[in-house]
Amino acid sequence: MDTKLLGDPGRRVVGAKQTVKALNKDQVQTVFVAEDADLRVTGPIIAKCKEKGVELVKVPTMSELGAACSIQVGAAVAAILKDS
């Protein structure tokens, strides 16, 4: 899955809390998780993706994921939302 869609603020959410909210509302198409993020943050999200059958993509670093989301800081988790 291409990370280019993460640059569109209308199609994505960034951060663990926002991703969990969107997962709970069945609004997520794909979740991106940084491999260097704390497992206490990403573990529950990975489990929720498996439970709901949501595509999970691993990104090597938080800084790479943050850059893909067009933000100045690293991100542990981001998600592309389903088309409305």
C-alpha atoms as a PDB file:
ATOM      1  CA  MET A   1       0.000   0.000   0.000  1.00  0.00           C
ATOM      2  CA  ASP A   2       1.303   3.397  -0.956  1.00  0.00           C
ATOM      3  CA  THR A   3       1.736   5.959   1.817  1.00  0.00           C
ATOM      4  CA  LYS A   4       0.862   8.885  -0.519  1.00  0.00           C
ATOM      5  CA  LEU A   5      -2.766   8.889   0.704  1.00  0.00           C
ATOM      6  CA  LEU A   6      -1.475   9.727   4.195  1.00  0.00           C
ATOM      7  CA  GLY A   7      -0.623  13.222   2.969  1.00  0.00           C
ATOM      8  CA  ASP A   8      -4.328  14.019   2.476  1.00  0.00           C
ATOM      9  CA  PRO A   9      -5.734  15.278   5.812  1.00  0.00           C
ATOM     10  CA  GLY A  10      -9.281  14.528   4.701  1.00  0.00           C
ATOM     11  CA  ARG A  11      -8.531  10.849   4.143  1.00  0.00           C
ATOM     12  CA  ARG A  12      -6.467  10.009   7.216  1.00  0.00           C
ATOM     13  CA  VAL A  13      -6.124  10.156  10.970  1.00  0.00           C
ATOM     14  CA  VAL A  14      -2.819  10.316  12.832  1.00  0.00           C
ATOM     15  CA  GLY A  15      -2.080   9.021  16.307  1.00  0.00           C
ATOM     16  CA  ALA A  16      -3.138   6.099  18.442  1.00  0.00           C
ATOM     17  CA  LYS A  17      -6.245   7.691  19.984  1.00  0.00           C
ATOM     18  CA  GLN A  18      -7.666   8.911  16.681  1.00  0.00           C
ATOM     19  CA  THR A  19      -6.910   5.581  14.984  1.00  0.00           C
ATOM     20  CA  VAL A  20      -8.649   3.600  17.755  1.00  0.00           C
ATOM     21  CA  LYS A  21     -11.718   5.862  17.514  1.00  0.00           C
ATOM     22  CA  ALA A  22     -11.889   5.367  13.741  1.00  0.00           C
ATOM     23  CA  LEU A  23     -11.365   1.588  14.083  1.00  0.00           C
ATOM     24  CA  ASN A  24     -14.200   1.372  16.597  1.00  0.00           C
ATOM     25  CA  LYS A  25     -16.483   3.178  14.135  1.00  0.00           C
ATOM     26  CA  ASP A  26     -15.419   0.865  11.248  1.00  0.00           C
ATOM     27  CA  GLN A  27     -14.112   3.853   9.279  1.00  0.00           C
ATOM     28  CA  VAL A  28     -10.601   2.529   8.576  1.00  0.00           C
ATOM     29  CA  GLN A  29      -9.324   1.080   5.319  1.00  0.00           C
ATOM     30  CA  THR A  30      -5.632   0.666   6.210  1.00  0.00           C
ATOM     31  CA  VAL A  31      -3.534   1.185   9.346  1.00  0.00           C
ATOM     32  CA  PHE A  32       0.157   2.102   9.241  1.00  0.00           C
ATOM     33  CA  VAL A  33       2.300   1.267  12.286  1.00  0.00           C
ATOM     34  CA  ALA A  34       5.881   2.402  12.895  1.00  0.00           C
ATOM     35  CA  GLU A  35       8.099  -0.558  13.767  1.00  0.00           C
ATOM     36  CA  ASP A  36      10.162   1.515  16.218  1.00  0.00           C
ATOM     37  CA  ALA A  37       7.112   2.705  18.181  1.00  0.00           C
ATOM     38  CA  ASP A  38       6.410   1.454  21.710  1.00  0.00           C
ATOM     39  CA  LEU A  39       4.518  -1.852  21.608  1.00  0.00           C
ATOM     40  CA  ARG A  40       2.345  -0.646  24.510  1.00  0.00           C
ATOM     41  CA  VAL A  41       0.958   1.943  22.087  1.00  0.00           C
ATOM     42  CA  THR A  42       0.802  -0.129  18.915  1.00  0.00           C
ATOM     43  CA  GLY A  43      -0.033  -3.568  20.339  1.00  0.00           C
ATOM     44  CA  PRO A  44      -3.732  -2.931  21.034  1.00  0.00           C
ATOM     45  CA  ILE A  45      -4.146  -1.299  17.621  1.00  0.00           C
ATOM     46  CA  ILE A  46      -2.503  -4.237  15.843  1.00  0.00           C
ATOM     47  CA  ALA A  47      -4.828  -6.606  17.738  1.00  0.00           C
ATOM     48  CA  LYS A  48      -7.890  -4.503  16.809  1.00  0.00           C
ATOM     49  CA  CYS A  49      -6.852  -4.563  13.125  1.00  0.00           C
ATOM     50  CA  LYS A  50      -6.602  -8.363  13.194  1.00  0.00           C
ATOM     51  CA  GLU A  51      -9.960  -8.609  14.959  1.00  0.00           C
ATOM     52  CA  LYS A  52     -11.671  -6.382  12.388  1.00  0.00           C
ATOM     53  CA  GLY A  53      -9.782  -7.652   9.331  1.00  0.00           C
ATOM     54  CA  VAL A  54      -8.236  -4.238   8.586  1.00  0.00           C
ATOM     55  CA  GLU A  55      -5.095  -4.132   6.431  1.00  0.00           C
ATOM     56  CA  LEU A  56      -1.971  -3.430   8.500  1.00  0.00           C
ATOM     57  CA  VAL A  57       1.197  -1.960   6.976  1.00  0.00           C
ATOM     58  CA  LYS A  58       4.457  -1.616   8.886  1.00  0.00           C
ATOM     59  CA  VAL A  59       6.647   1.434   8.331  1.00  0.00           C
ATOM     60  CA  PRO A  60      10.297   1.270   9.489  1.00  0.00           C
ATOM     61  CA  THR A  61      10.361   4.409  11.675  1.00  0.00           C
ATOM     62  CA  MET A  62       8.101   6.912  13.395  1.00  0.00           C
ATOM     63  CA  SER A  63       9.866   9.758  11.592  1.00  0.00           C
ATOM     64  CA  GLU A  64       9.134   8.165   8.192  1.00  0.00           C
ATOM     65  CA  LEU A  65       5.463   7.749   9.116  1.00  0.00           C
ATOM     66  CA  GLY A  66       5.265  11.330  10.355  1.00  0.00           C
ATOM     67  CA  ALA A  67       6.831  12.593   7.127  1.00  0.00           C
ATOM     68  CA  ALA A  68       4.357  10.528   5.067  1.00  0.00           C
ATOM     69  CA  CYS A  69       1.564  12.250   7.016  1.00  0.00           C
ATOM     70  CA  SER A  70       3.084  15.683   6.270  1.00  0.00           C
ATOM     71  CA  ILE A  71       3.670  16.436   9.951  1.00  0.00           C
ATOM     72  CA  GLN A  72       6.859  17.719  11.579  1.00  0.00           C
ATOM     73  CA  VAL A  73       7.029  15.032  14.285  1.00  0.00           C
ATOM     74  CA  GLY A  74       7.114  11.255  14.303  1.00  0.00           C
ATOM     75  CA  ALA A  75       3.934   9.196  14.388  1.00  0.00           C
ATOM     76  CA  ALA A  76       3.492   5.764  15.913  1.00  0.00           C
ATOM     77  CA  VAL A  77       0.240   5.053  14.071  1.00  0.00           C
ATOM     78  CA  ALA A  78      -1.788   6.506  11.214  1.00  0.00           C
ATOM     79  CA  ALA A  79      -4.788   5.267   9.273  1.00  0.00           C
ATOM     80  CA  ILE A  80      -6.362   5.828   5.876  1.00  0.00           C
ATOM     81  CA  LEU A  81     -10.103   6.226   6.160  1.00  0.00           C
ATOM     82  CA  LYS A  82     -12.627   4.469   3.969  1.00  0.00           C
ATOM     83  CA  ASP A  83     -14.308   6.482   1.224  1.00  0.00           C
ATOM     84  CA  SER A  84     -17.414   8.117   2.652  1.00  0.00           C
END
